[in-house]
Protein backbone atom coordinates (compact mmCIF):
# COMPACT_ATOMS: atom_id res chain seq x y z
CA MET A 1 0.00 0.00 0.00
CA THR A 2 2.75 2.44 0.97
CA ALA A 3 4.69 1.63 -2.21
CA ILE A 4 1.65 2.39 -4.33
CA LEU A 5 1.08 5.70 -2.52
CA ASP A 6 4.74 6.62 -3.06
CA GLY A 7 4.47 5.86 -6.79
CA ALA A 8 6.99 3.04 -6.55
CA VAL A 9 4.71 0.56 -8.36
CA PRO A 10 4.38 1.82 -11.94
CA ARG A 11 2.89 -1.45 -13.20
CA LEU A 12 0.91 -4.12 -11.38
CA PRO A 13 0.57 -7.49 -13.17
CA VAL A 14 -2.50 -9.46 -12.19
CA GLY A 15 -2.81 -12.81 -13.88
CA GLY A 16 -2.35 -12.16 -17.58
CA ARG A 17 -3.35 -8.51 -17.31
CA VAL A 18 -1.37 -5.36 -16.44
CA PHE A 19 -2.66 -2.40 -14.47
CA VAL A 20 -1.37 1.04 -13.48
CA PRO A 21 -2.28 1.63 -9.83
CA LYS A 22 -3.33 5.14 -8.88
CA ALA A 23 -3.82 5.92 -5.20
CA ARG A 24 -4.97 8.91 -3.23
CA THR A 25 -5.74 9.62 0.42
CA LEU A 26 -9.16 10.98 1.37
CA GLU A 27 -10.03 12.69 4.65
CA ILE A 28 -13.27 11.23 5.98
CA GLY A 29 -13.48 13.23 9.20
CA ALA A 30 -12.59 12.78 12.84
CA GLY A 31 -8.94 12.54 11.89
CA GLU A 32 -9.55 9.40 9.85
CA ARG A 33 -8.35 8.84 6.34
CA MET A 34 -9.26 6.45 3.59
CA VAL A 35 -7.01 5.30 0.78
CA GLN A 36 -8.62 4.97 -2.62
CA ILE A 37 -6.85 2.84 -5.22
CA VAL A 38 -7.90 2.82 -8.86
CA LEU A 39 -6.47 0.24 -11.26
CA VAL A 40 -6.21 1.39 -14.88
CA GLU A 41 -5.76 -1.50 -17.26
CA VAL A 42 -2.86 -1.09 -19.73
CA THR A 43 -2.56 -4.69 -20.92
CA GLU A 44 -2.97 -3.82 -24.60
CA GLU A 45 -0.56 -0.89 -24.31
CA GLU A 46 2.06 -3.13 -22.67
CA ARG A 47 1.57 -5.72 -25.41
CA ARG A 48 2.16 -3.11 -28.13
CA LEU A 49 5.24 -1.77 -26.33
CA SER A 50 6.62 -5.28 -26.03
CA GLU A 51 6.08 -5.87 -29.75
CA GLN A 52 7.75 -2.55 -30.57
CA ARG A 53 10.78 -3.42 -28.44
CA ALA A 54 11.03 -6.83 -30.08
CA TYR A 55 10.78 -5.26 -33.54
CA ALA A 56 13.41 -2.63 -32.67
CA ALA A 57 15.72 -5.38 -31.41
CA HIS A 58 15.22 -7.30 -34.66
CA LEU A 59 15.96 -4.22 -36.79
CA LEU A 60 19.13 -3.36 -34.86
CA THR A 61 20.35 -6.95 -35.03
CA ALA A 62 19.66 -7.12 -38.76
CA GLN A 63 21.41 -3.78 -39.27
CA GLU A 64 24.53 -4.91 -37.42
CA ASP A 65 24.57 -8.25 -39.26
CA GLU A 66 24.39 -6.38 -42.57
CA ARG A 67 27.16 -4.00 -41.48
CA ARG A 68 29.37 -6.94 -40.54
CA ARG A 69 28.66 -8.78 -43.81
CA LEU A 70 29.27 -5.70 -45.94
CA ALA A 71 32.51 -4.88 -44.12
CA GLN A 72 33.74 -8.44 -44.63
CA ASP A 73 32.76 -8.45 -48.30
CA LEU A 74 34.56 -5.15 -48.93
CA HIS A 75 37.68 -6.42 -47.19
CA ASP A 76 37.75 -9.82 -48.87
CA ASP A 77 37.16 -8.69 -52.45
CA PRO A 78 37.64 -5.03 -53.48
CA VAL A 79 40.34 -4.18 -50.93
CA GLN A 80 42.36 -7.32 -51.64
CA THR A 81 42.04 -6.83 -55.40
CA LEU A 82 43.05 -3.18 -55.22
CA THR A 83 45.96 -4.00 -52.93
CA TYR A 84 47.22 -6.49 -55.51
CA LEU A 85 46.77 -3.85 -58.21
CA VAL A 86 48.81 -1.32 -56.20
CA ARG A 87 51.63 -3.86 -55.85
CA MET A 88 51.59 -4.70 -59.56
CA LEU A 89 51.59 -1.03 -60.58
CA GLY A 90 54.51 -0.39 -58.24
CA GLN A 91 56.50 -3.17 -59.83
CA LEU A 92 55.57 -1.96 -63.31
CA SER A 93 56.64 1.62 -62.60
CA GLU A 94 60.07 0.35 -61.50
CA ASP A 95 60.62 -1.75 -64.64
CA PRO A 96 63.72 -0.31 -66.41
CA LEU A 97 62.35 -1.41 -69.78
CA LEU A 98 59.23 0.75 -69.38
CA PRO A 99 59.40 4.21 -71.07
CA PRO A 100 59.63 7.04 -68.49
CA ALA A 101 56.28 8.52 -69.52
CA LEU A 102 54.49 5.20 -68.96
CA ALA A 103 56.35 4.65 -65.68
CA ALA A 104 55.06 8.03 -64.44
CA LEU A 105 51.51 7.04 -65.40
CA ALA A 106 51.88 3.71 -63.56
CA ARG A 107 53.09 5.51 -60.43
CA ARG A 108 50.18 7.96 -60.60
CA ASP A 109 47.64 5.16 -61.05
CA GLY A 110 49.24 3.29 -58.16
CA GLU A 111 48.83 6.35 -55.94
CA LEU A 112 45.18 6.70 -56.95
CA ALA A 113 44.54 3.03 -56.22
CA THR A 114 46.22 3.43 -52.81
CA GLU A 115 43.88 6.32 -52.00
CA VAL A 116 40.88 4.16 -52.90
CA VAL A 117 42.17 1.38 -50.63
CA ASP A 118 42.54 3.85 -47.77
CA ASP A 119 39.02 5.18 -48.36
CA LEU A 120 37.57 1.67 -48.41
CA ARG A 121 39.34 0.79 -45.17
CA THR A 122 37.81 3.90 -43.58
CA VAL A 123 34.38 2.77 -44.74
CA ILE A 124 35.01 -0.76 -43.41
CA HIS A 125 36.10 0.61 -40.06
CA GLY A 126 32.94 2.72 -39.83
CA LEU A 127 30.75 -0.26 -40.65
CA ARG A 128 32.33 -2.58 -38.09
CA PRO A 129 35.66 -1.73 -36.42
CA PRO A 130 37.83 -4.87 -36.11
CA GLU A 131 39.14 -3.62 -32.73
CA LEU A 132 35.68 -4.00 -31.22
CA ASP A 133 35.44 -7.74 -31.86
CA ASP A 134 39.14 -8.50 -31.42
CA PHE A 135 40.15 -6.38 -28.42
CA GLY A 136 36.97 -4.97 -26.89
CA VAL A 137 35.23 -1.64 -26.50
CA VAL A 138 38.15 0.21 -24.88
CA ALA A 139 40.44 -0.35 -27.88
CA ALA A 140 37.60 0.59 -30.25
CA LEU A 141 36.92 3.81 -28.32
CA TRP A 142 40.62 4.78 -28.39
CA GLN A 143 40.54 4.49 -32.18
CA LEU A 144 37.26 6.41 -32.43
CA VAL A 145 38.48 9.26 -30.23
CA GLU A 146 41.81 9.41 -32.04
CA GLU A 147 39.99 9.85 -35.35
CA CYS A 148 37.92 12.69 -33.85
CA ASP A 149 41.02 14.31 -32.38
CA ALA A 150 42.68 14.28 -35.81
CA ARG A 151 39.99 16.57 -37.20
CA PRO A 152 40.95 20.24 -37.51
CA GLY A 153 39.77 22.46 -34.67
CA ILE A 154 38.68 19.66 -32.30
CA SER A 155 40.55 18.30 -29.29
CA ALA A 156 39.19 14.90 -28.21
CA ARG A 157 40.27 12.96 -25.14
CA LEU A 158 39.39 9.58 -23.66
CA ARG A 159 39.57 8.72 -19.96
CA VAL A 160 39.13 5.12 -18.81
CA SER A 161 38.69 4.31 -15.12
CA GLY A 162 37.98 1.22 -13.06
CA ASP A 163 38.82 -2.43 -13.60
CA GLN A 164 38.57 -2.99 -17.34
CA VAL A 165 36.61 -6.12 -18.21
CA ARG A 166 35.05 -7.44 -21.39
CA LEU A 167 31.34 -6.79 -21.49
CA SER A 168 28.79 -8.79 -23.42
CA ALA A 169 29.08 -8.36 -27.17
CA GLN A 170 25.76 -6.47 -27.25
CA SER A 171 26.77 -4.14 -24.41
CA GLU A 172 30.14 -3.36 -26.01
CA LEU A 173 28.44 -2.66 -29.30
CA THR A 174 25.94 -0.37 -27.56
CA VAL A 175 28.69 1.64 -25.85
CA TYR A 176 30.60 1.98 -29.12
CA ARG A 177 27.60 2.97 -31.26
CA VAL A 178 26.39 5.57 -28.75
CA ALA A 179 29.89 7.08 -28.54
CA GLN A 180 30.13 7.01 -32.33
CA GLU A 181 26.81 8.83 -32.74
CA ALA A 182 27.64 11.35 -30.01
CA LEU A 183 31.03 12.17 -31.55
CA SER A 184 29.47 12.43 -35.00
CA ASN A 185 27.00 14.97 -33.62
CA VAL A 186 29.87 16.92 -32.05
CA VAL A 187 31.83 17.00 -35.31
CA HIS A 188 28.94 17.92 -37.59
CA HIS A 189 26.59 20.00 -35.43
CA ALA A 190 28.02 21.13 -32.08
CA GLN A 191 30.67 23.62 -33.28
CA ALA A 192 32.75 22.40 -30.32
CA THR A 193 36.48 22.70 -29.79
CA ASN A 194 36.80 20.14 -26.98
CA VAL A 195 35.13 16.81 -26.40
CA GLN A 196 35.73 14.43 -23.50
CA VAL A 197 34.80 10.74 -23.51
CA ASP A 198 34.77 8.98 -20.12
CA LEU A 199 34.31 5.23 -19.69
CA GLN A 200 34.05 4.02 -16.11
CA PHE A 201 33.93 0.35 -15.12
CA GLY A 202 32.38 -0.60 -11.80
CA GLN A 203 29.09 -1.81 -10.36
CA GLN A 204 27.74 0.05 -13.33
CA VAL A 205 29.45 0.87 -16.59
CA LEU A 206 29.16 4.58 -17.36
CA LEU A 207 29.88 6.14 -20.73
CA THR A 208 29.84 9.94 -20.69
CA VAL A 209 30.48 12.18 -23.70
CA THR A 210 30.66 15.93 -23.05
CA ASP A 211 31.52 18.82 -25.34
CA ASP A 212 31.82 22.60 -25.15
CA GLY A 213 29.75 23.34 -28.23
CA ARG A 214 26.56 25.29 -28.74
CA GLY A 215 24.47 22.62 -27.00
CA ILE A 216 21.45 20.62 -28.08
CA PRO A 217 18.11 22.44 -28.24
CA ALA A 218 15.58 21.31 -25.67
CA ASP A 219 13.02 20.58 -28.38
CA SER A 220 15.48 18.17 -30.04
CA ILE A 221 15.72 16.12 -26.84
CA THR A 222 11.94 16.16 -26.45
CA SER A 223 11.27 15.26 -30.06
CA ALA A 224 13.75 12.38 -29.82
CA SER A 225 11.58 10.74 -27.19
CA LEU A 226 8.58 11.23 -29.46
CA GLY A 227 10.25 9.98 -32.63
CA GLY A 228 11.65 13.19 -34.06
CA HIS A 229 15.42 12.60 -34.21
CA LEU A 230 16.66 9.34 -35.71
CA GLY A 231 20.17 9.50 -34.23
CA LEU A 232 18.94 10.02 -30.67
CA ILE A 233 16.20 7.45 -31.16
CA GLY A 234 18.81 4.90 -32.21
CA MET A 235 20.85 5.65 -29.08
CA ARG A 236 17.83 5.18 -26.84
CA GLU A 237 16.69 1.97 -28.49
CA ARG A 238 20.14 0.39 -28.26
CA VAL A 239 20.50 1.29 -24.59
CA ASN A 240 17.00 0.07 -23.71
CA LEU A 241 17.65 -3.28 -25.38
CA VAL A 242 20.56 -4.05 -23.04
CA GLY A 243 18.72 -2.90 -19.93
CA GLY A 244 20.53 0.41 -19.55
CA SER A 245 19.53 4.05 -19.28
CA LEU A 246 20.36 7.07 -21.43
CA GLU A 247 20.60 10.69 -20.35
CA ILE A 248 20.96 13.58 -22.78
CA ARG A 249 21.02 17.11 -21.43
CA ALA A 250 22.76 20.46 -21.57
CA ASN A 251 26.30 20.47 -20.20
CA THR A 252 27.56 23.09 -17.73
CA PRO A 253 28.54 25.81 -18.58
CA HIS A 254 27.74 25.03 -22.20
CA GLY A 255 27.63 22.14 -24.62
CA THR A 256 25.92 18.76 -24.40
CA LEU A 257 26.21 15.75 -22.11
CA VAL A 258 25.36 12.20 -23.22
CA ARG A 259 25.52 9.51 -20.55
CA VAL A 260 24.85 5.78 -20.79
CA THR A 261 24.51 3.58 -17.71
CA LEU A 262 24.82 -0.21 -18.04
CA PRO A 263 25.23 -3.05 -15.52
CA GLY A 264 28.91 -3.71 -14.78
CA SER A 265 31.50 -4.67 -12.14
CA LEU A 266 33.13 -3.06 -9.10
CA PRO A 267 34.90 0.30 -9.65
CA GLU A 268 38.54 1.15 -9.04
CA PRO A 269 40.35 4.52 -8.83
CA PRO A 270 40.54 6.31 -12.22
CA THR A 271 43.62 6.15 -14.41
CA PHE A 272 44.39 8.67 -17.12
CA LEU A 273 46.15 7.66 -20.32
CA PRO A 274 47.44 10.05 -23.01
CA LEU A 275 45.80 9.75 -26.38
CA SER A 276 49.27 9.36 -27.87
CA ALA A 277 49.40 5.92 -26.28
CA VAL A 278 46.89 4.66 -28.81
CA GLY A 279 48.55 2.49 -31.36
CA SER A 280 51.91 2.59 -29.58
CA GLY A 281 51.60 -1.11 -29.07
């Protein structure tokens, strides 16, 4: 009874039906009170929400499977073929029997093919970073932040604290995709000069992305919850599917804060690593 009065029971399952309990206290005189409880049935609403969550989970899983397949196909065929072409053009350009004019053309074509290989590898990495599956979310975040930091006018830093452990594949993917979307928003919309990514391991895993940009309009946050912003909707759906919570709000004194909370392990004191350490191994 007390829990219902305090609003701590948002849903009350009864048999195969679901109700929302609403309670209020009525004064009936002589210092006596009566508690009135009204049960509003939301069984059909809960069923639709469950179907929507299941459908969203299916879409996200299908999307990730397609990303993984496409990344693998690009790596196994076009990238390998172009890499072979680059090697052959390099050998051809160094052939002493080849006229100098043709050798120069071969070198130029080899450089163009190398640029295409680099572009394809960037696309592959965006589709499904190999670091995520091979080494975990921390390594994938280092790479993601390093790429953001390399952009002109933006300083990006990553701080990792706590006892680093491998999370479930779905949780690691959720952390990575939310960070990826948040950093993409910073780069393309925030007009920020500094962005900080914090990943804390402990009883809960916390991912926090903050920037010093112009901030996100309040109506954008509201419309995201109502279906108005696809990027923010994708964040929320991913986090909900792994049982976490998502917070998006204005940062102090300015900018935007994105925070994801997931189940995790016990925390340890924070350790700071320089971004230059990425790739040193």
